[in-house]
Amino acid sequence: MVRRYEEPIEVREAHREETPRDARPAAFVWRGRLYVVRTILDQWQERRPWWRDAREGRDVLTDARERRVWRVEASPGRLGGVGVYDLGATHPDSAEPGGQPGGQPASQWQLLRVAD
């Protein structure tokens, strides 16, 4: 069974030197608990549900319309059971406050789905 959440999460990224914008999730904090990524199973691009942003009054024309999704196996801590999680990252087009060093905009991450 797959459960949808679409909740903001904090992600620790593992950057590749050649493509810093294509950061892989190394760990994430969801609902106050740290999950360590054990394996990356897959990744893809998908369209964001822009109609939800429109209902919330966000500018759907300037916000990122696509996000990169990472399907990962992760566990809470070192001894917890492993689960499958879909993590979504959107990359703002321009540097914003709170961006990364060198003017690189910070990725915005969400926990999208959890498979039981």
N, C-alpha and C. Protein backbone atom coordinates (compact mmCIF):
# COMPACT_ATOMS: atom_id res chain seq x y z
N MET A 1 0.84 -1.17 0.00
CA MET A 1 0.00 0.00 0.00
C MET A 1 0.89 1.24 0.00
N VAL A 2 0.49 2.23 -0.76
CA VAL A 2 1.23 3.48 -0.84
C VAL A 2 0.39 4.59 -0.22
N ARG A 3 1.01 5.35 0.67
CA ARG A 3 0.33 6.49 1.30
C ARG A 3 0.95 7.78 0.79
N ARG A 4 0.10 8.76 0.47
CA ARG A 4 0.55 10.06 -0.02
C ARG A 4 0.62 11.03 1.16
N TYR A 5 1.70 11.81 1.20
CA TYR A 5 1.86 12.79 2.28
C TYR A 5 2.07 14.21 1.75
N GLU A 6 3.02 14.41 0.86
CA GLU A 6 3.38 15.72 0.34
C GLU A 6 3.62 16.71 1.47
N GLU A 7 4.46 16.31 2.42
CA GLU A 7 4.82 17.15 3.56
C GLU A 7 6.25 17.66 3.39
N PRO A 8 6.51 18.91 3.79
CA PRO A 8 7.88 19.42 3.71
C PRO A 8 8.79 18.62 4.64
N ILE A 9 9.99 18.36 4.16
CA ILE A 9 10.99 17.67 4.97
C ILE A 9 12.33 18.39 4.83
N GLU A 10 13.21 18.12 5.77
CA GLU A 10 14.57 18.63 5.73
C GLU A 10 15.45 17.50 5.21
N VAL A 11 16.28 17.78 4.20
CA VAL A 11 17.10 16.74 3.58
C VAL A 11 18.57 17.12 3.64
N ARG A 12 19.38 16.15 3.99
CA ARG A 12 20.84 16.30 3.88
C ARG A 12 21.22 15.72 2.53
N GLU A 13 21.83 16.57 1.71
CA GLU A 13 22.12 16.17 0.34
C GLU A 13 23.58 15.72 0.19
N ALA A 14 23.78 14.73 -0.68
CA ALA A 14 25.11 14.30 -1.09
C ALA A 14 25.33 14.87 -2.48
N HIS A 15 26.19 15.87 -2.59
CA HIS A 15 26.41 16.55 -3.88
C HIS A 15 27.45 15.82 -4.70
N ARG A 16 27.22 15.82 -6.00
CA ARG A 16 28.22 15.35 -6.94
C ARG A 16 29.02 16.57 -7.37
N GLU A 17 30.31 16.43 -7.48
CA GLU A 17 31.15 17.57 -7.83
C GLU A 17 30.81 18.14 -9.21
N GLU A 18 30.53 17.26 -10.17
CA GLU A 18 30.30 17.74 -11.53
C GLU A 18 28.94 18.41 -11.70
N THR A 19 27.95 18.04 -10.92
CA THR A 19 26.61 18.63 -11.04
C THR A 19 26.02 18.89 -9.67
N PRO A 20 26.37 20.02 -9.05
CA PRO A 20 25.88 20.28 -7.69
C PRO A 20 24.38 20.44 -7.59
N ARG A 21 23.68 20.81 -8.68
CA ARG A 21 22.22 20.94 -8.61
C ARG A 21 21.54 19.58 -8.57
N ASP A 22 22.24 18.54 -8.97
CA ASP A 22 21.66 17.20 -8.99
C ASP A 22 22.07 16.45 -7.72
N ALA A 23 21.72 17.03 -6.59
CA ALA A 23 22.09 16.44 -5.31
C ALA A 23 21.22 15.23 -4.99
N ARG A 24 21.84 14.22 -4.44
CA ARG A 24 21.12 13.01 -4.02
C ARG A 24 20.81 13.12 -2.53
N PRO A 25 19.66 12.63 -2.10
CA PRO A 25 19.37 12.65 -0.66
C PRO A 25 20.21 11.61 0.07
N ALA A 26 20.83 12.03 1.17
CA ALA A 26 21.64 11.13 1.99
C ALA A 26 20.90 10.78 3.29
N ALA A 27 20.08 11.71 3.76
CA ALA A 27 19.28 11.50 4.97
C ALA A 27 18.18 12.56 4.96
N PHE A 28 17.11 12.30 5.72
CA PHE A 28 16.05 13.30 5.81
C PHE A 28 15.39 13.23 7.18
N VAL A 29 14.82 14.35 7.58
CA VAL A 29 14.10 14.44 8.84
C VAL A 29 12.63 14.62 8.51
N TRP A 30 11.83 13.69 9.02
CA TRP A 30 10.39 13.73 8.81
C TRP A 30 9.70 13.55 10.15
N ARG A 31 8.87 14.52 10.49
CA ARG A 31 8.13 14.51 11.76
C ARG A 31 9.06 14.31 12.95
N GLY A 32 10.20 15.01 12.89
CA GLY A 32 11.14 15.00 14.01
C GLY A 32 12.03 13.78 14.11
N ARG A 33 11.98 12.91 13.13
CA ARG A 33 12.78 11.69 13.16
C ARG A 33 13.75 11.65 11.98
N LEU A 34 14.99 11.25 12.25
CA LEU A 34 16.02 11.18 11.22
C LEU A 34 15.96 9.83 10.51
N TYR A 35 15.89 9.87 9.18
CA TYR A 35 15.91 8.66 8.35
C TYR A 35 17.19 8.69 7.53
N VAL A 36 17.92 7.58 7.53
CA VAL A 36 19.16 7.47 6.77
C VAL A 36 18.86 6.71 5.48
N VAL A 37 19.25 7.31 4.34
CA VAL A 37 19.03 6.67 3.05
C VAL A 37 20.02 5.53 2.89
N ARG A 38 19.51 4.33 2.69
CA ARG A 38 20.35 3.14 2.51
C ARG A 38 20.66 2.88 1.04
N THR A 39 19.64 3.02 0.18
CA THR A 39 19.79 2.73 -1.24
C THR A 39 18.90 3.68 -2.04
N ILE A 40 19.40 4.15 -3.17
CA ILE A 40 18.57 4.90 -4.10
C ILE A 40 18.07 3.90 -5.13
N LEU A 41 16.77 3.71 -5.19
CA LEU A 41 16.17 2.72 -6.08
C LEU A 41 15.93 3.27 -7.48
N ASP A 42 15.54 4.55 -7.56
CA ASP A 42 15.22 5.13 -8.87
C ASP A 42 15.13 6.63 -8.73
N GLN A 43 15.13 7.34 -9.86
CA GLN A 43 14.88 8.78 -9.87
C GLN A 43 14.25 9.15 -11.20
N TRP A 44 13.42 10.19 -11.18
CA TRP A 44 12.75 10.65 -12.39
C TRP A 44 12.28 12.08 -12.20
N GLN A 45 11.85 12.69 -13.30
CA GLN A 45 11.24 14.02 -13.29
C GLN A 45 9.73 13.85 -13.41
N GLU A 46 8.98 14.66 -12.68
CA GLU A 46 7.53 14.64 -12.84
C GLU A 46 6.98 16.04 -12.72
N ARG A 47 5.83 16.25 -13.33
CA ARG A 47 5.16 17.55 -13.26
C ARG A 47 4.58 17.72 -11.87
N ARG A 48 4.73 18.93 -11.34
CA ARG A 48 4.14 19.24 -10.05
C ARG A 48 2.64 19.49 -10.21
N PRO A 49 1.86 19.23 -9.18
CA PRO A 49 0.42 19.52 -9.25
C PRO A 49 0.17 21.03 -9.14
N TRP A 50 0.33 21.74 -10.25
CA TRP A 50 0.25 23.20 -10.26
C TRP A 50 -1.11 23.71 -9.80
N TRP A 51 -2.15 22.92 -9.99
CA TRP A 51 -3.49 23.36 -9.63
C TRP A 51 -3.62 23.55 -8.12
N ARG A 52 -2.83 22.79 -7.35
CA ARG A 52 -2.84 22.98 -5.89
C ARG A 52 -2.20 24.32 -5.52
N ASP A 53 -1.12 24.66 -6.21
CA ASP A 53 -0.47 25.95 -5.97
C ASP A 53 -1.43 27.09 -6.31
N ALA A 54 -2.18 26.95 -7.40
CA ALA A 54 -3.13 27.99 -7.81
C ALA A 54 -4.20 28.19 -6.75
N ARG A 55 -4.69 27.10 -6.15
CA ARG A 55 -5.71 27.21 -5.10
C ARG A 55 -5.17 27.93 -3.87
N GLU A 56 -3.84 27.79 -3.62
CA GLU A 56 -3.24 28.43 -2.45
C GLU A 56 -2.76 29.84 -2.74
N GLY A 57 -3.02 30.33 -3.97
CA GLY A 57 -2.67 31.70 -4.31
C GLY A 57 -1.23 31.90 -4.74
N ARG A 58 -0.49 30.83 -5.00
CA ARG A 58 0.90 30.96 -5.47
C ARG A 58 0.91 31.22 -6.96
N ASP A 59 1.98 31.85 -7.41
CA ASP A 59 2.13 32.16 -8.83
C ASP A 59 2.60 30.91 -9.57
N VAL A 60 1.70 30.27 -10.28
CA VAL A 60 2.03 29.00 -10.95
C VAL A 60 2.86 29.21 -12.19
N LEU A 61 2.94 30.44 -12.69
CA LEU A 61 3.73 30.68 -13.89
C LEU A 61 5.22 30.82 -13.59
N THR A 62 5.57 31.31 -12.39
CA THR A 62 6.98 31.52 -12.08
C THR A 62 7.56 30.42 -11.19
N ASP A 63 6.72 29.71 -10.47
CA ASP A 63 7.24 28.62 -9.62
C ASP A 63 7.69 27.46 -10.49
N ALA A 64 8.58 26.65 -9.94
CA ALA A 64 9.06 25.47 -10.67
C ALA A 64 7.87 24.56 -10.98
N ARG A 65 7.77 24.11 -12.21
CA ARG A 65 6.64 23.27 -12.62
C ARG A 65 7.00 21.79 -12.60
N GLU A 66 8.27 21.49 -12.46
CA GLU A 66 8.69 20.09 -12.41
C GLU A 66 9.50 19.87 -11.15
N ARG A 67 9.56 18.63 -10.73
CA ARG A 67 10.40 18.27 -9.60
C ARG A 67 11.08 16.94 -9.91
N ARG A 68 12.22 16.76 -9.30
CA ARG A 68 12.93 15.49 -9.40
C ARG A 68 12.47 14.64 -8.22
N VAL A 69 12.14 13.39 -8.50
CA VAL A 69 11.69 12.47 -7.47
C VAL A 69 12.74 11.38 -7.29
N TRP A 70 13.03 11.11 -6.05
CA TRP A 70 13.98 10.05 -5.70
C TRP A 70 13.22 8.97 -4.93
N ARG A 71 13.25 7.76 -5.40
CA ARG A 71 12.68 6.63 -4.64
C ARG A 71 13.85 5.99 -3.89
N VAL A 72 13.75 5.97 -2.57
CA VAL A 72 14.85 5.50 -1.74
C VAL A 72 14.38 4.47 -0.73
N GLU A 73 15.30 3.61 -0.34
CA GLU A 73 15.12 2.78 0.84
C GLU A 73 15.81 3.51 1.98
N ALA A 74 15.09 3.69 3.07
CA ALA A 74 15.64 4.42 4.21
C ALA A 74 15.14 3.79 5.50
N SER A 75 15.89 4.05 6.56
CA SER A 75 15.49 3.53 7.87
C SER A 75 15.70 4.61 8.92
N PRO A 76 14.86 4.59 9.96
CA PRO A 76 15.04 5.54 11.05
C PRO A 76 16.22 5.08 11.91
N GLY A 77 17.30 5.80 11.85
CA GLY A 77 18.51 5.42 12.59
C GLY A 77 19.21 4.25 11.95
N ARG A 78 20.11 3.64 12.69
CA ARG A 78 20.91 2.53 12.15
C ARG A 78 20.23 1.18 12.30
N LEU A 79 19.33 1.05 13.26
CA LEU A 79 18.77 -0.26 13.55
C LEU A 79 17.30 -0.40 13.17
N GLY A 80 16.70 0.66 12.68
CA GLY A 80 15.28 0.62 12.33
C GLY A 80 15.03 -0.17 11.06
N GLY A 81 13.78 -0.60 10.88
CA GLY A 81 13.39 -1.32 9.67
C GLY A 81 13.43 -0.43 8.44
N VAL A 82 13.71 -1.02 7.30
CA VAL A 82 13.84 -0.27 6.05
C VAL A 82 12.48 -0.12 5.38
N GLY A 83 12.20 1.08 4.89
CA GLY A 83 10.98 1.36 4.15
C GLY A 83 11.32 2.03 2.83
N VAL A 84 10.32 2.17 1.95
CA VAL A 84 10.51 2.81 0.66
C VAL A 84 9.78 4.15 0.67
N TYR A 85 10.52 5.22 0.31
CA TYR A 85 10.02 6.59 0.38
C TYR A 85 10.28 7.28 -0.95
N ASP A 86 9.32 8.10 -1.39
CA ASP A 86 9.51 8.96 -2.56
C ASP A 86 9.72 10.38 -2.05
N LEU A 87 10.88 10.95 -2.39
CA LEU A 87 11.24 12.30 -1.97
C LEU A 87 11.28 13.19 -3.20
N GLY A 88 10.61 14.33 -3.14
CA GLY A 88 10.57 15.25 -4.26
C GLY A 88 11.35 16.50 -3.97
N ALA A 89 12.13 16.97 -4.96
CA ALA A 89 12.93 18.19 -4.82
C ALA A 89 12.61 19.14 -5.96
N THR A 90 12.29 20.38 -5.61
CA THR A 90 12.15 21.42 -6.62
C THR A 90 13.32 22.37 -6.46
N HIS A 91 13.81 22.87 -7.57
CA HIS A 91 14.95 23.76 -7.57
C HIS A 91 14.50 25.13 -8.07
N PRO A 92 14.44 26.13 -7.18
CA PRO A 92 14.05 27.47 -7.63
C PRO A 92 15.00 27.97 -8.71
N ASP A 93 14.48 28.76 -9.63
CA ASP A 93 15.28 29.26 -10.74
C ASP A 93 16.24 30.36 -10.33
N SER A 94 15.93 31.09 -9.27
CA SER A 94 16.80 32.19 -8.87
C SER A 94 17.21 32.01 -7.42
N ALA A 95 18.34 32.63 -7.07
CA ALA A 95 18.83 32.53 -5.69
C ALA A 95 17.85 33.25 -4.77
N GLU A 96 17.55 32.61 -3.66
CA GLU A 96 16.65 33.17 -2.67
C GLU A 96 17.37 33.25 -1.35
N PRO A 97 16.85 34.03 -0.40
CA PRO A 97 17.46 34.00 0.93
C PRO A 97 17.46 32.58 1.46
N GLY A 98 18.54 32.21 2.07
CA GLY A 98 18.64 30.84 2.58
C GLY A 98 19.21 29.90 1.55
N GLY A 99 19.64 30.43 0.41
CA GLY A 99 20.24 29.60 -0.63
C GLY A 99 21.57 29.05 -0.17
N GLN A 100 22.15 28.22 -0.99
CA GLN A 100 23.41 27.60 -0.65
C GLN A 100 24.56 28.52 -1.00
N PRO A 101 25.77 28.26 -0.45
CA PRO A 101 26.92 29.10 -0.75
C PRO A 101 27.15 29.20 -2.25
N GLY A 102 27.66 30.36 -2.67
CA GLY A 102 27.94 30.57 -4.09
C GLY A 102 26.71 30.99 -4.87
N GLY A 103 25.63 31.41 -4.18
CA GLY A 103 24.43 31.85 -4.85
C GLY A 103 23.55 30.73 -5.35
N GLN A 104 23.88 29.49 -5.04
CA GLN A 104 23.08 28.34 -5.47
C GLN A 104 21.79 28.31 -4.67
N PRO A 105 20.62 28.36 -5.31
CA PRO A 105 19.37 28.34 -4.56
C PRO A 105 19.18 27.01 -3.84
N ALA A 106 18.55 27.08 -2.68
CA ALA A 106 18.30 25.87 -1.89
C ALA A 106 17.17 25.06 -2.52
N SER A 107 17.31 23.75 -2.51
CA SER A 107 16.24 22.87 -2.98
C SER A 107 15.14 22.84 -1.94
N GLN A 108 13.92 22.70 -2.40
CA GLN A 108 12.78 22.54 -1.50
C GLN A 108 12.34 21.09 -1.61
N TRP A 109 12.34 20.39 -0.50
CA TRP A 109 12.07 18.95 -0.48
C TRP A 109 10.73 18.66 0.16
N GLN A 110 10.09 17.58 -0.33
CA GLN A 110 8.86 17.06 0.26
C GLN A 110 8.91 15.55 0.30
N LEU A 111 8.32 14.99 1.34
CA LEU A 111 8.06 13.55 1.36
C LEU A 111 6.75 13.38 0.61
N LEU A 112 6.79 12.69 -0.53
CA LEU A 112 5.62 12.55 -1.38
C LEU A 112 4.79 11.32 -1.04
N ARG A 113 5.48 10.16 -0.97
CA ARG A 113 4.77 8.89 -0.77
C ARG A 113 5.62 7.95 0.08
N VAL A 114 4.92 7.07 0.79
CA VAL A 114 5.58 6.02 1.59
C VAL A 114 4.90 4.69 1.24
N ALA A 115 5.70 3.70 0.89
CA ALA A 115 5.18 2.36 0.58
C ALA A 115 5.33 1.47 1.79
N ASP A 116 4.25 0.80 2.15
CA ASP A 116 4.27 -0.10 3.31
C ASP A 116 4.65 -1.50 2.86
